[in-house]
N, C-alpha and C. Protein backbone atom coordinates (compact mmCIF):
# COMPACT_ATOMS: atom_id res chain seq x y z
N UNK A 1 176.66 82.45 124.95
CA UNK A 1 175.23 82.73 124.40
C UNK A 1 175.19 82.37 122.95
N UNK A 2 174.02 81.93 122.45
CA UNK A 2 173.73 81.71 121.12
C UNK A 2 173.29 83.02 120.33
N UNK A 3 173.87 83.16 119.14
CA UNK A 3 173.40 84.25 118.36
C UNK A 3 173.18 83.70 116.92
N UNK A 4 172.48 84.55 116.36
CA UNK A 4 172.23 84.06 114.79
C UNK A 4 172.78 85.41 114.08
N UNK A 5 173.76 85.15 113.42
CA UNK A 5 174.30 86.41 112.56
C UNK A 5 173.94 86.08 111.14
N UNK A 6 173.67 87.19 110.38
CA UNK A 6 173.45 87.08 108.85
C UNK A 6 174.74 87.53 108.23
N UNK A 7 175.62 86.58 107.81
CA UNK A 7 176.94 86.92 107.31
C UNK A 7 176.95 86.39 105.82
N UNK A 8 177.21 87.34 104.88
CA UNK A 8 177.40 87.12 103.55
C UNK A 8 176.18 86.45 103.09
N UNK A 9 174.85 86.92 103.54
CA UNK A 9 173.60 86.36 103.08
C UNK A 9 173.14 85.18 103.64
N UNK A 10 173.99 84.58 104.65
CA UNK A 10 173.56 83.25 105.11
C UNK A 10 173.39 83.43 106.68
N UNK A 11 172.24 82.93 107.17
CA UNK A 11 172.20 82.93 108.65
C UNK A 11 173.21 81.91 109.30
N UNK A 12 173.87 82.40 110.22
CA UNK A 12 174.87 81.41 110.99
C UNK A 12 174.66 81.41 112.41
N UNK A 13 174.62 80.42 112.98
CA UNK A 13 174.39 80.23 114.51
C UNK A 13 175.82 80.04 115.04
N UNK A 14 176.04 80.84 116.14
CA UNK A 14 177.24 80.74 116.88
C UNK A 14 176.93 80.78 118.36
N UNK A 15 177.86 80.17 119.21
CA UNK A 15 177.65 80.20 120.53
C UNK A 15 179.04 80.75 121.27
N UNK A 16 178.96 82.02 121.43
CA UNK A 16 180.17 82.75 122.13
C UNK A 16 179.58 83.64 123.21
N UNK A 17 180.57 84.22 123.81
CA UNK A 17 180.27 85.23 124.95
C UNK A 17 179.82 86.50 124.26
N UNK A 18 179.01 87.17 124.88
CA UNK A 18 178.27 88.31 124.23
C UNK A 18 179.16 89.43 123.90
N UNK A 19 180.27 89.50 124.69
CA UNK A 19 181.26 90.61 124.35
C UNK A 19 182.33 90.27 123.48
N UNK A 20 182.34 89.04 122.78
CA UNK A 20 183.23 88.68 121.86
C UNK A 20 183.17 89.64 120.63
N UNK A 21 184.43 90.15 120.14
CA UNK A 21 184.45 91.10 119.03
C UNK A 21 183.95 90.21 117.85
N UNK A 22 183.25 90.92 116.93
CA UNK A 22 182.72 90.33 115.57
C UNK A 22 183.96 89.80 114.90
N UNK A 23 185.15 90.55 114.95
CA UNK A 23 186.24 90.03 114.20
C UNK A 23 186.58 88.57 114.64
N UNK A 24 186.58 88.25 115.81
CA UNK A 24 186.96 86.97 116.24
C UNK A 24 185.91 85.98 115.95
N UNK A 25 184.71 86.46 116.03
CA UNK A 25 183.43 85.43 115.43
C UNK A 25 183.73 85.08 114.20
N UNK A 26 184.04 86.12 113.35
CA UNK A 26 184.32 85.86 111.83
C UNK A 26 185.48 84.85 111.62
N UNK A 27 186.57 85.18 112.17
CA UNK A 27 187.83 84.47 112.00
C UNK A 27 187.87 83.15 112.61
N UNK A 28 187.52 82.97 113.99
CA UNK A 28 187.69 81.83 114.68
C UNK A 28 186.60 80.80 114.68
N UNK A 29 185.35 81.50 114.66
CA UNK A 29 184.10 80.64 114.81
C UNK A 29 183.64 80.28 113.26
N UNK A 30 183.70 81.27 112.41
CA UNK A 30 183.05 80.96 111.01
C UNK A 30 184.17 80.77 110.01
N UNK A 31 185.37 80.88 110.49
CA UNK A 31 186.66 80.55 109.54
C UNK A 31 186.69 81.42 108.21
N UNK A 32 186.13 82.75 108.34
CA UNK A 32 186.20 83.70 107.30
C UNK A 32 187.49 84.48 107.71
N UNK A 33 188.52 84.25 107.19
CA UNK A 33 189.78 84.76 107.71
C UNK A 33 190.45 85.84 106.75
N UNK A 34 189.57 86.34 105.77
CA UNK A 34 189.93 87.48 104.97
C UNK A 34 189.83 88.81 105.75
N UNK A 35 189.14 89.04 106.83
CA UNK A 35 189.02 90.17 107.69
C UNK A 35 190.21 89.95 108.66
N UNK A 36 191.09 90.98 108.59
CA UNK A 36 192.44 90.91 109.42
C UNK A 36 192.31 91.54 110.74
N UNK A 37 193.06 91.26 111.68
CA UNK A 37 193.32 91.92 112.94
C UNK A 37 194.58 92.61 112.78
N UNK A 38 194.49 93.92 112.89
CA UNK A 38 195.58 94.88 112.92
C UNK A 38 195.97 95.55 114.21
N UNK A 39 195.08 96.20 114.81
CA UNK A 39 195.39 96.88 116.11
C UNK A 39 194.54 96.58 117.18
N UNK A 40 193.22 96.24 117.02
CA UNK A 40 192.39 95.85 118.18
C UNK A 40 191.65 96.96 118.68
N UNK A 41 191.89 98.20 118.18
CA UNK A 41 191.28 99.32 118.86
C UNK A 41 190.58 100.19 117.75
N UNK A 42 190.15 99.62 116.59
CA UNK A 42 189.46 100.27 115.52
C UNK A 42 190.14 101.53 114.92
N UNK A 43 191.55 101.39 114.85
CA UNK A 43 192.21 102.67 114.39
C UNK A 43 192.95 102.33 113.01
N UNK A 44 193.04 101.06 112.63
CA UNK A 44 193.88 100.78 111.44
C UNK A 44 193.03 100.41 110.16
N UNK A 45 191.83 99.91 110.43
CA UNK A 45 191.00 99.53 109.27
C UNK A 45 191.11 98.10 108.66
N UNK A 46 192.24 97.38 109.21
CA UNK A 46 192.34 96.05 108.59
C UNK A 46 191.14 95.08 108.94
N UNK A 47 190.24 95.33 109.83
CA UNK A 47 189.27 94.60 110.18
C UNK A 47 187.90 95.03 109.67
N UNK A 48 187.93 95.93 108.61
CA UNK A 48 186.70 96.57 108.17
C UNK A 48 185.88 95.54 107.41
N UNK A 49 184.67 95.45 107.73
CA UNK A 49 183.54 94.75 107.11
C UNK A 49 182.35 95.77 106.88
N UNK A 50 181.37 95.28 106.31
CA UNK A 50 180.13 96.07 106.10
C UNK A 50 179.08 95.62 107.06
N UNK A 51 178.47 96.57 107.69
CA UNK A 51 177.19 96.20 108.58
C UNK A 51 176.10 97.01 107.89
N UNK A 52 175.21 96.23 107.38
CA UNK A 52 174.11 96.87 106.60
C UNK A 52 174.59 97.82 105.51
N UNK A 53 175.62 97.49 104.94
CA UNK A 53 176.32 98.32 103.78
C UNK A 53 177.20 99.33 104.21
N UNK A 54 177.33 99.60 105.43
CA UNK A 54 178.36 100.79 106.05
C UNK A 54 179.50 99.99 106.46
N UNK A 55 180.71 100.69 106.08
CA UNK A 55 181.98 100.07 106.72
C UNK A 55 182.00 100.16 108.21
N UNK A 56 182.57 99.13 108.87
CA UNK A 56 182.56 99.01 110.34
C UNK A 56 183.84 98.49 110.72
N UNK A 57 184.45 98.73 111.83
CA UNK A 57 185.60 98.07 112.35
C UNK A 57 185.21 96.84 113.23
N UNK A 58 185.41 95.62 112.68
CA UNK A 58 184.83 94.45 113.45
C UNK A 58 185.60 94.13 114.70
N UNK A 59 186.75 94.75 114.92
CA UNK A 59 187.53 94.24 116.14
C UNK A 59 186.96 95.06 117.44
N UNK A 60 186.09 96.12 117.10
CA UNK A 60 185.62 96.87 118.30
C UNK A 60 183.99 96.73 118.41
N UNK A 61 183.47 95.87 117.67
CA UNK A 61 182.05 95.62 117.74
C UNK A 61 181.79 94.35 118.42
N UNK A 62 181.20 94.37 119.66
CA UNK A 62 180.78 93.10 120.38
C UNK A 62 179.74 92.37 119.57
N UNK A 63 179.81 91.07 119.58
CA UNK A 63 178.77 90.20 118.65
C UNK A 63 177.31 90.66 119.22
N UNK A 64 177.13 90.98 120.51
CA UNK A 64 175.74 91.23 120.95
C UNK A 64 175.27 92.51 120.21
N UNK A 65 176.03 93.41 119.76
CA UNK A 65 175.73 94.65 119.13
C UNK A 65 175.24 94.44 117.66
N UNK A 66 175.66 93.22 117.19
CA UNK A 66 175.27 93.10 115.64
C UNK A 66 173.90 92.89 115.60
N UNK A 67 173.24 91.97 116.32
CA UNK A 67 171.92 91.63 116.26
C UNK A 67 171.42 91.12 114.95
N UNK A 68 170.40 91.72 114.28
CA UNK A 68 169.97 91.22 113.07
C UNK A 68 170.62 91.97 111.90
N UNK A 69 171.59 92.72 112.09
CA UNK A 69 172.19 93.47 111.01
C UNK A 69 172.78 92.51 110.05
N UNK A 70 172.89 92.92 108.69
CA UNK A 70 173.67 92.12 107.76
C UNK A 70 175.31 92.42 107.73
N UNK A 71 175.95 91.29 107.96
CA UNK A 71 177.42 91.52 107.91
C UNK A 71 177.94 91.02 106.48
N UNK A 72 178.74 91.86 105.85
CA UNK A 72 179.37 91.43 104.67
C UNK A 72 180.76 91.49 104.86
N UNK A 73 181.57 90.44 104.50
CA UNK A 73 182.95 90.24 104.65
C UNK A 73 183.57 90.47 103.25
N UNK A 74 184.97 90.48 103.14
CA UNK A 74 185.58 90.39 101.80
C UNK A 74 185.31 89.16 101.04
N UNK A 75 184.99 88.00 101.81
CA UNK A 75 184.72 86.73 101.18
C UNK A 75 183.43 86.76 100.54
N UNK A 76 182.51 87.60 100.94
CA UNK A 76 181.14 87.74 100.48
C UNK A 76 180.74 88.86 99.60
N UNK A 77 181.52 89.93 99.57
CA UNK A 77 181.22 91.07 98.84
C UNK A 77 181.10 90.79 97.39
N UNK A 78 180.04 91.36 96.79
CA UNK A 78 179.78 91.19 95.44
C UNK A 78 179.07 92.30 94.82
N UNK A 79 178.75 92.16 93.52
CA UNK A 79 178.21 93.26 92.76
C UNK A 79 179.16 93.89 91.83
N UNK A 80 178.64 94.95 90.93
CA UNK A 80 179.37 95.47 89.98
C UNK A 80 180.41 96.44 90.63
N UNK A 81 180.12 97.09 91.65
CA UNK A 81 181.09 97.93 92.39
C UNK A 81 182.27 97.18 93.09
N UNK A 82 181.96 96.08 93.70
CA UNK A 82 182.92 95.23 94.26
C UNK A 82 183.84 94.59 93.21
N UNK A 83 183.25 94.24 92.14
CA UNK A 83 184.05 93.61 91.12
C UNK A 83 184.93 94.51 90.47
N UNK A 84 184.47 95.85 90.20
CA UNK A 84 185.36 96.92 89.70
C UNK A 84 186.45 97.24 90.57
N UNK A 85 186.23 97.33 91.97
CA UNK A 85 187.29 97.62 92.84
C UNK A 85 188.32 96.54 92.79
N UNK A 86 187.83 95.34 92.98
CA UNK A 86 188.78 94.18 93.08
C UNK A 86 189.56 94.06 91.80
N UNK A 87 189.07 94.39 90.54
CA UNK A 87 189.78 94.37 89.36
C UNK A 87 190.72 95.35 89.23
N UNK A 88 190.26 96.52 89.73
CA UNK A 88 191.37 97.68 89.56
C UNK A 88 192.51 97.49 90.66
N UNK A 89 192.23 96.80 91.83
CA UNK A 89 193.33 96.58 92.75
C UNK A 89 194.28 95.63 92.08
N UNK A 90 193.77 94.59 91.31
CA UNK A 90 194.75 93.59 90.67
C UNK A 90 195.44 94.28 89.51
N UNK A 91 194.61 94.98 88.71
CA UNK A 91 195.38 95.49 87.52
C UNK A 91 196.44 96.54 87.92
N UNK A 92 196.24 97.41 88.93
CA UNK A 92 197.28 98.37 89.34
C UNK A 92 198.19 97.83 90.40
N UNK A 93 197.99 96.52 90.72
CA UNK A 93 198.94 95.88 91.64
C UNK A 93 199.08 96.72 92.85
N UNK A 94 197.89 97.01 93.48
CA UNK A 94 197.93 97.89 94.69
C UNK A 94 198.63 97.36 95.83
N UNK A 95 198.55 96.14 96.20
CA UNK A 95 199.08 95.68 97.40
C UNK A 95 200.52 95.28 97.29
N UNK A 96 201.26 95.46 98.41
CA UNK A 96 202.56 95.07 98.49
C UNK A 96 202.59 93.83 99.53
N UNK A 97 202.56 94.02 100.81
CA UNK A 97 202.42 92.81 101.65
C UNK A 97 201.00 92.32 101.69
N UNK A 98 199.92 93.13 101.39
CA UNK A 98 198.53 92.78 101.25
C UNK A 98 197.86 92.70 102.54
N UNK A 99 198.39 92.90 103.66
CA UNK A 99 197.70 92.71 105.00
C UNK A 99 196.47 93.53 105.16
N UNK A 100 196.60 94.68 104.84
CA UNK A 100 195.53 95.68 105.12
C UNK A 100 194.55 95.78 103.93
N UNK A 101 194.78 95.16 102.94
CA UNK A 101 194.06 95.33 101.68
C UNK A 101 192.51 94.90 101.75
N UNK A 102 192.08 93.98 102.55
CA UNK A 102 190.61 93.48 102.62
C UNK A 102 189.84 94.73 103.26
N UNK A 103 190.62 95.40 104.34
CA UNK A 103 189.93 96.41 104.83
C UNK A 103 189.83 97.74 103.94
N UNK A 104 190.91 97.95 103.20
CA UNK A 104 190.98 98.94 102.17
C UNK A 104 189.95 98.88 101.02
N UNK A 105 189.81 97.55 100.71
CA UNK A 105 188.85 97.27 99.53
C UNK A 105 187.30 97.44 100.06
N UNK A 106 187.18 96.93 101.26
CA UNK A 106 185.75 97.09 101.80
C UNK A 106 185.39 98.55 101.96
N UNK A 107 186.34 99.46 102.44
CA UNK A 107 186.09 100.75 102.69
C UNK A 107 185.79 101.48 101.23
N UNK A 108 186.70 101.15 100.30
CA UNK A 108 186.54 101.54 98.88
C UNK A 108 185.18 101.29 98.21
N UNK A 109 184.80 100.12 98.48
CA UNK A 109 183.48 99.67 97.92
C UNK A 109 182.43 100.50 98.45
N UNK A 110 182.37 100.58 99.78
CA UNK A 110 181.39 101.36 100.44
C UNK A 110 181.44 102.83 99.97
N UNK A 111 182.55 103.33 99.70
CA UNK A 111 182.73 104.64 99.24
C UNK A 111 181.99 104.86 97.79
N UNK A 112 182.37 103.87 96.96
CA UNK A 112 181.82 103.93 95.62
C UNK A 112 180.41 103.68 95.54
N UNK A 113 179.94 102.95 96.51
CA UNK A 113 178.47 102.64 96.49
C UNK A 113 177.69 103.96 96.78
N UNK A 114 178.38 104.86 97.70
CA UNK A 114 177.71 106.06 98.10
C UNK A 114 178.05 107.20 97.08
N UNK A 115 179.21 107.28 96.75
CA UNK A 115 179.65 108.41 95.87
C UNK A 115 180.42 107.76 94.68
N UNK A 116 179.56 107.51 93.54
CA UNK A 116 180.16 106.87 92.40
C UNK A 116 181.19 107.56 91.67
N UNK A 117 181.41 108.91 91.69
CA UNK A 117 182.45 109.67 91.15
C UNK A 117 183.21 110.48 92.22
N UNK A 118 183.95 109.83 93.11
CA UNK A 118 184.60 110.67 94.18
C UNK A 118 185.77 111.39 93.75
N UNK A 119 185.84 112.56 94.38
CA UNK A 119 187.04 113.38 94.24
C UNK A 119 188.21 112.85 95.15
N UNK A 120 189.31 113.47 94.85
CA UNK A 120 190.55 113.00 95.72
C UNK A 120 190.15 113.29 97.22
N UNK A 121 189.51 114.36 97.52
CA UNK A 121 189.06 114.89 98.88
C UNK A 121 188.09 113.83 99.39
N UNK A 122 187.07 113.31 98.49
CA UNK A 122 186.14 112.29 99.01
C UNK A 122 186.88 110.99 99.40
N UNK A 123 187.88 110.63 98.64
CA UNK A 123 188.61 109.48 98.73
C UNK A 123 189.44 109.56 100.12
N UNK A 124 190.20 110.53 100.26
CA UNK A 124 191.07 110.81 101.35
C UNK A 124 190.11 110.71 102.57
N UNK A 125 188.96 111.37 102.56
CA UNK A 125 188.13 111.50 103.66
C UNK A 125 187.56 110.03 104.21
N UNK A 126 187.20 109.25 103.09
CA UNK A 126 186.61 107.96 103.21
C UNK A 126 187.71 107.00 103.67
N UNK A 127 188.89 107.02 103.23
CA UNK A 127 189.91 106.18 103.52
C UNK A 127 190.76 106.51 104.81
N UNK A 128 190.44 107.64 105.39
CA UNK A 128 191.18 108.01 106.57
C UNK A 128 190.90 106.89 107.59
N UNK A 129 191.93 106.54 108.35
CA UNK A 129 191.76 105.38 109.44
C UNK A 129 192.02 104.09 108.75
N UNK A 130 192.30 103.96 107.39
CA UNK A 130 192.69 102.63 106.86
C UNK A 130 194.28 102.84 106.60
N UNK A 131 195.00 102.24 107.61
CA UNK A 131 196.34 102.39 107.49
C UNK A 131 197.01 101.29 106.62
N UNK A 132 197.98 101.71 105.86
CA UNK A 132 198.77 100.82 105.07
C UNK A 132 200.18 100.96 105.35
N UNK A 133 200.77 99.98 106.03
CA UNK A 133 202.25 99.82 106.34
C UNK A 133 203.18 100.01 105.18
N UNK A 134 202.89 99.60 104.05
CA UNK A 134 203.62 99.74 102.91
C UNK A 134 203.39 101.12 102.19
N UNK A 135 202.67 101.99 102.66
CA UNK A 135 202.27 103.38 102.07
C UNK A 135 201.90 103.18 100.56
N UNK A 136 200.97 102.38 100.18
CA UNK A 136 200.40 102.32 98.81
C UNK A 136 199.31 103.11 98.67
N UNK A 137 199.20 104.39 99.34
CA UNK A 137 198.06 105.22 99.27
C UNK A 137 197.78 105.84 97.86
N UNK A 138 198.82 106.23 97.13
CA UNK A 138 198.79 106.72 95.91
C UNK A 138 198.11 105.77 94.89
N UNK A 139 198.52 104.40 94.98
CA UNK A 139 197.99 103.40 94.14
C UNK A 139 196.55 103.07 94.53
N UNK A 140 196.21 103.18 95.90
CA UNK A 140 194.86 103.00 96.30
C UNK A 140 193.98 104.01 95.83
N UNK A 141 194.32 105.34 95.76
CA UNK A 141 193.52 106.36 95.27
C UNK A 141 193.31 106.11 93.79
N UNK A 142 194.33 105.74 93.11
CA UNK A 142 194.37 105.55 91.62
C UNK A 142 193.43 104.45 91.36
N UNK A 143 193.47 103.30 92.11
CA UNK A 143 192.57 102.21 91.96
C UNK A 143 191.05 102.68 92.09
N UNK A 144 190.91 103.42 93.22
CA UNK A 144 189.43 103.87 93.42
C UNK A 144 188.96 104.68 92.21
N UNK A 145 189.70 105.65 91.73
CA UNK A 145 189.39 106.45 90.46
C UNK A 145 189.21 105.32 89.32
N UNK A 146 189.98 104.52 89.05
CA UNK A 146 189.92 103.51 87.98
C UNK A 146 188.67 102.78 88.12
N UNK A 147 188.35 102.22 89.36
CA UNK A 147 187.09 101.45 89.50
C UNK A 147 185.95 102.32 89.15
N UNK A 148 186.01 103.51 89.71
CA UNK A 148 184.79 104.56 89.41
C UNK A 148 184.56 104.71 87.93
N UNK A 149 185.69 104.85 87.20
CA UNK A 149 185.71 104.99 85.67
C UNK A 149 185.08 103.76 85.10
N UNK A 150 185.59 102.55 85.50
CA UNK A 150 185.05 101.32 84.89
C UNK A 150 183.53 101.08 85.26
N UNK A 151 183.03 101.51 86.25
CA UNK A 151 181.76 101.36 86.63
C UNK A 151 180.85 102.24 85.77
N UNK A 152 181.32 103.50 85.64
CA UNK A 152 180.62 104.50 84.81
C UNK A 152 180.67 104.03 83.29
N UNK A 153 181.63 103.37 82.90
CA UNK A 153 181.70 102.95 81.51
C UNK A 153 180.84 101.76 81.20
N UNK A 154 180.38 100.99 82.06
CA UNK A 154 179.45 99.93 81.92
C UNK A 154 178.06 100.28 81.41
């Protein structure tokens, strides 16, 4: 079937089976490989993208369910919050292996867009379900606080 997806602000036409997970459309059809495959059952968060600004697990969303919603991937995320999160991640050297980090970053951006000054509890709640095999959770929380402070300081 043919679908038109709005990905990173650009309409993209694809021809795939309607039950193809959004993750594979992004990676295989559109060559946006920043979104990672982790578990395939929406439990690890590596495949997190934004659908209409909300974090969503792309491995469990069939392309037919996306319809006219806006899809934002790690390649297209932008704005002051995204920039602050990405800068904090780099400055604090959050990643070790890096595999989960695009999903972690996408979730952190969504959190800070909703709650600009999150508490540790807010961060823990929002980031639940984003697994990090290297266990960089302390650095992730610190980076979110750091990003929050840098946004506030602008």
